[in-house]
Amino acid sequence: MSVKPALFYEARLVAGLAGLLPSLGLPAYAALSRLLWGRYETELPLPAILNTFEILLPLAAGFSAAHLMAIEVEEGFDELRRSYPEPRLRLPLLRSGAALAFLLLAVVLGAAAFHWIWGPFDLLHAVLPALAPALFLGGLSLLAGGLSRSYWGAASVVMGWWFLELQTRGQITGALFLFDTVWPTAGVSYALNRWLLVALGLVFFALNAAWYARRGSGLTRRGTLGAR
């Protein structure tokens, strides 16, 4: 199988409503903000856009990634996919790329919507603080989906963590608080908070790949023994 058809096949697998719909959350909120405040404001203050991205972008990233490691199981061809003669890291790496692509899509659609509805704004200042928590929750979602092999299992983890952060505002997670730009946590370095979120997000991606490769190797060994 050539590289182009293989990537096209993967794109068709992952590009379903479960991945695309969460990317519309930010544009939908941008439209809602015009309905709510359009009569009173000629432009939306930059802090309001920044807060929106930091709160909603991680949720969009998490929900978009929730189905990626469960596609084969939920469609009933998991064992068939694992029997393919391909490197065991190939699928989780492709799905990691898909999770990052959905994150980028949410950023682009959200930024375009706010720009079109409210006018120009400082894109980097508004979006950059949200990338660390989005990477963290996206990686956590991917790992939860890999462990549970269920969209709903991963989505429940994402929603639970996100809602807990909104309610407790860092009282439980401390240095791992997702929304430290919106509600700064006393006694916690902001730079440390952001780097910890990025580092753990990348660890989640790596753990998901390692777990899938380990399960695939176990299935291969069982199949080989059973064939003798």
Protein backbone atom coordinates (compact mmCIF):
# COMPACT_ATOMS: atom_id res chain seq x y z
CA MET A 1 0.00 0.00 0.00
CA SER A 2 1.49 3.35 -1.02
CA VAL A 3 1.85 6.24 1.39
CA LYS A 4 -0.80 8.43 -0.25
CA PRO A 5 -3.67 5.88 -0.20
CA ALA A 6 -2.75 4.88 3.36
CA LEU A 7 -2.96 8.48 4.58
CA PHE A 8 -6.17 8.99 2.62
CA TYR A 9 -7.64 5.90 4.29
CA GLU A 10 -6.66 7.19 7.75
CA ALA A 11 -8.15 10.61 6.97
CA ARG A 12 -11.45 9.00 6.02
CA LEU A 13 -11.47 6.99 9.25
CA VAL A 14 -10.85 9.90 11.61
CA ALA A 15 -12.71 12.72 9.84
CA GLY A 16 -16.14 11.95 11.28
CA LEU A 17 -18.58 14.12 13.17
CA ALA A 18 -17.09 13.04 16.51
CA GLY A 19 -13.85 14.77 15.56
CA LEU A 20 -15.18 17.70 13.57
CA LEU A 21 -18.13 18.90 15.66
CA PRO A 22 -16.06 19.95 18.73
CA SER A 23 -14.04 22.24 16.44
CA LEU A 24 -17.20 24.29 15.90
CA GLY A 25 -17.51 25.18 19.60
CA LEU A 26 -15.41 28.35 19.39
CA PRO A 27 -17.11 29.68 16.23
CA ALA A 28 -20.48 29.00 17.83
CA TYR A 29 -19.48 30.94 20.94
CA ALA A 30 -18.15 33.79 18.79
CA ALA A 31 -21.56 34.08 17.13
CA LEU A 32 -23.31 33.87 20.50
CA SER A 33 -21.10 36.61 21.92
CA ARG A 34 -22.22 38.96 19.18
CA LEU A 35 -25.85 38.23 19.99
CA LEU A 36 -25.26 38.79 23.71
CA TRP A 37 -22.98 41.85 23.65
CA GLY A 38 -23.26 43.22 20.14
CA ARG A 39 -25.73 45.90 21.14
CA TYR A 40 -23.43 47.34 23.75
CA GLU A 41 -19.89 46.77 22.43
CA THR A 42 -18.35 47.78 19.12
CA GLU A 43 -15.48 45.36 19.75
CA LEU A 44 -14.88 42.48 22.12
CA PRO A 45 -12.05 43.14 24.60
CA LEU A 46 -8.97 40.99 24.01
CA PRO A 47 -9.08 39.49 27.54
CA ALA A 48 -12.58 38.18 26.80
CA ILE A 49 -11.32 36.41 23.65
CA LEU A 50 -8.28 35.07 25.53
CA ASN A 51 -10.49 33.69 28.30
CA THR A 52 -12.80 32.07 25.76
CA PHE A 53 -9.93 30.29 24.02
CA GLU A 54 -8.36 29.07 27.27
CA ILE A 55 -11.64 27.63 28.55
CA LEU A 56 -13.13 26.20 25.34
CA LEU A 57 -10.10 25.15 23.27
CA PRO A 58 -8.98 22.39 25.72
CA LEU A 59 -12.50 20.99 25.75
CA ALA A 60 -12.63 20.99 21.94
CA ALA A 61 -9.23 19.29 21.74
CA GLY A 62 -10.26 16.65 24.26
CA PHE A 63 -13.57 15.80 22.61
CA SER A 64 -12.04 15.73 19.13
CA ALA A 65 -9.44 13.19 20.26
CA ALA A 66 -11.84 11.03 22.28
CA HIS A 67 -12.88 8.75 19.40
CA LEU A 68 -9.49 8.33 17.73
CA MET A 69 -8.25 5.24 19.59
CA ALA A 70 -11.67 3.58 19.63
CA ILE A 71 -12.56 3.68 15.92
CA GLU A 72 -11.53 0.10 15.16
CA VAL A 73 -13.20 -1.30 18.28
CA GLU A 74 -16.48 0.54 17.80
CA GLU A 75 -16.61 -0.36 14.10
CA GLY A 76 -15.77 -4.01 14.81
CA PHE A 77 -12.48 -4.48 12.98
CA ASP A 78 -9.91 -4.03 15.74
CA GLU A 79 -8.37 -7.51 15.50
CA LEU A 80 -8.32 -7.27 11.71
CA ARG A 81 -6.45 -3.96 11.90
CA ARG A 82 -3.95 -5.42 14.35
CA SER A 83 -3.27 -8.29 11.94
CA TYR A 84 -2.03 -5.86 9.29
CA PRO A 85 1.71 -6.10 8.54
CA GLU A 86 2.49 -2.60 9.79
CA PRO A 87 4.67 -1.19 12.58
CA ARG A 88 2.79 -1.22 15.89
CA LEU A 89 3.55 2.44 16.48
CA ARG A 90 2.11 3.50 13.15
CA LEU A 91 -1.54 3.72 14.18
CA PRO A 92 -1.06 5.60 17.47
CA LEU A 93 1.34 8.02 15.78
CA LEU A 94 -1.17 8.67 13.00
CA ARG A 95 -3.93 9.18 15.56
CA SER A 96 -1.69 11.53 17.53
CA GLY A 97 -1.22 13.53 14.36
CA ALA A 98 -4.99 13.55 13.86
CA ALA A 99 -5.51 14.85 17.41
CA LEU A 100 -3.07 17.71 16.75
CA ALA A 101 -4.75 18.40 13.40
CA PHE A 102 -8.15 18.71 15.10
CA LEU A 103 -6.59 21.06 17.66
CA LEU A 104 -5.20 23.22 14.85
CA LEU A 105 -8.57 23.16 13.10
CA ALA A 106 -10.31 24.39 16.25
CA VAL A 107 -7.79 27.24 16.55
CA VAL A 108 -8.17 28.27 12.91
CA LEU A 109 -11.97 28.14 12.90
CA GLY A 110 -12.22 29.94 16.24
CA ALA A 111 -9.77 32.67 15.28
CA ALA A 112 -11.44 33.17 11.90
CA ALA A 113 -14.88 33.42 13.51
CA PHE A 114 -13.82 35.99 16.12
CA HIS A 115 -11.97 38.00 13.46
CA TRP A 116 -14.96 37.97 11.11
CA ILE A 117 -17.55 38.76 13.80
CA TRP A 118 -15.60 41.20 15.98
CA GLY A 119 -12.75 42.43 13.82
CA PRO A 120 -8.94 42.12 14.06
CA PHE A 121 -7.32 41.11 17.36
CA ASP A 122 -3.90 39.97 18.60
CA LEU A 123 -4.06 36.31 17.60
CA LEU A 124 -0.91 35.10 19.38
CA HIS A 125 -1.83 36.86 22.62
CA ALA A 126 -5.31 35.34 22.56
CA VAL A 127 -4.46 31.79 21.49
CA LEU A 128 -1.00 31.02 22.85
CA PRO A 129 -2.03 30.65 26.54
CA ALA A 130 -4.68 28.08 25.55
CA LEU A 131 -2.33 25.73 23.68
CA ALA A 132 -0.73 24.17 26.79
CA PRO A 133 -4.02 23.11 28.46
CA ALA A 134 -5.38 22.01 25.05
CA LEU A 135 -2.34 19.78 24.50
CA PHE A 136 -2.73 18.37 28.01
CA LEU A 137 -6.43 17.54 27.69
CA GLY A 138 -6.02 16.28 24.13
CA GLY A 139 -3.25 13.91 25.22
CA LEU A 140 -5.25 12.76 28.24
CA SER A 141 -8.23 12.07 25.99
CA LEU A 142 -6.12 10.05 23.56
CA LEU A 143 -4.65 7.96 26.40
CA ALA A 144 -8.06 7.43 28.02
CA GLY A 145 -9.43 6.30 24.68
CA GLY A 146 -6.51 3.93 24.20
CA LEU A 147 -6.98 2.40 27.64
CA SER A 148 -10.78 2.16 27.57
CA ARG A 149 -11.17 1.54 23.82
CA SER A 150 -14.32 3.62 24.10
CA TYR A 151 -15.31 7.09 22.90
CA TRP A 152 -17.58 7.56 25.89
CA GLY A 153 -14.86 6.50 28.31
CA ALA A 154 -12.45 9.09 26.92
CA ALA A 155 -15.13 11.78 26.63
CA SER A 156 -16.16 11.21 30.26
CA VAL A 157 -12.58 11.67 31.45
CA VAL A 158 -12.27 14.90 29.43
CA MET A 159 -15.58 16.31 30.62
CA GLY A 160 -14.93 15.29 34.22
CA TRP A 161 -11.48 16.90 34.35
CA TRP A 162 -12.64 20.08 32.57
CA PHE A 163 -15.71 20.50 34.78
CA LEU A 164 -13.68 19.82 37.95
CA GLU A 165 -11.26 22.58 36.96
CA LEU A 166 -14.09 25.04 36.36
CA GLN A 167 -15.63 24.29 39.74
CA THR A 168 -12.49 24.12 41.90
CA ARG A 169 -10.33 26.66 40.00
CA GLY A 170 -7.10 24.89 40.75
CA GLN A 171 -7.70 24.06 44.40
CA ILE A 172 -7.22 20.35 43.64
CA THR A 173 -4.86 20.31 40.65
CA GLY A 174 -2.61 23.14 41.82
CA ALA A 175 0.32 23.56 39.42
CA LEU A 176 -1.61 21.61 36.76
CA PHE A 177 -4.58 23.99 36.74
CA LEU A 178 -5.80 24.33 33.15
CA PHE A 179 -7.10 27.89 33.38
CA ASP A 180 -4.26 29.66 35.18
CA THR A 181 -4.42 32.60 32.76
CA VAL A 182 -8.07 33.25 33.52
CA TRP A 183 -7.87 32.58 37.27
CA PRO A 184 -4.22 32.80 38.42
CA THR A 185 -3.34 30.37 41.20
CA ALA A 186 -1.61 31.95 44.17
CA GLY A 187 1.88 30.63 44.85
CA VAL A 188 2.19 28.82 41.50
CA SER A 189 4.58 30.00 38.80
CA TYR A 190 2.68 30.61 35.57
CA ALA A 191 5.64 29.47 33.45
CA LEU A 192 5.94 26.28 35.50
CA ASN A 193 2.21 25.66 35.09
CA ARG A 194 2.39 25.98 31.31
CA TRP A 195 5.49 23.80 30.93
CA LEU A 196 4.07 21.10 33.18
CA LEU A 197 0.89 20.96 31.09
CA VAL A 198 2.88 20.70 27.86
CA ALA A 199 5.24 18.05 29.28
CA LEU A 200 2.44 15.89 30.68
CA GLY A 201 0.43 16.26 27.49
CA LEU A 202 3.38 14.89 25.51
CA VAL A 203 3.82 12.10 28.07
CA PHE A 204 0.17 11.12 27.56
CA PHE A 205 0.76 10.92 23.80
CA ALA A 206 3.84 8.74 24.36
CA LEU A 207 2.09 6.46 26.88
CA ASN A 208 -0.80 5.94 24.50
CA ALA A 209 1.57 4.88 21.72
CA ALA A 210 3.48 2.54 24.05
CA TRP A 211 0.28 0.97 25.38
CA TYR A 212 -1.09 0.32 21.90
CA ALA A 213 2.20 -1.21 20.74
CA ARG A 214 2.30 -3.45 23.83
CA ARG A 215 -1.27 -4.68 23.29
CA GLY A 216 -0.58 -5.28 19.62
CA SER A 217 2.51 -7.33 20.40
CA GLY A 218 0.53 -9.42 22.87
CA LEU A 219 -2.18 -10.08 20.29
CA THR A 220 0.44 -11.12 17.74
CA ARG A 221 2.05 -13.57 20.15
CA ARG A 222 -1.33 -15.11 21.06
CA GLY A 223 -2.26 -15.45 17.40
CA THR A 224 1.08 -17.10 16.59
CA LEU A 225 0.77 -19.59 19.45
CA GLY A 226 -2.81 -20.36 18.54
CA ALA A 227 -1.83 -21.12 14.95
CA ARG A 228 0.67 -23.80 15.92
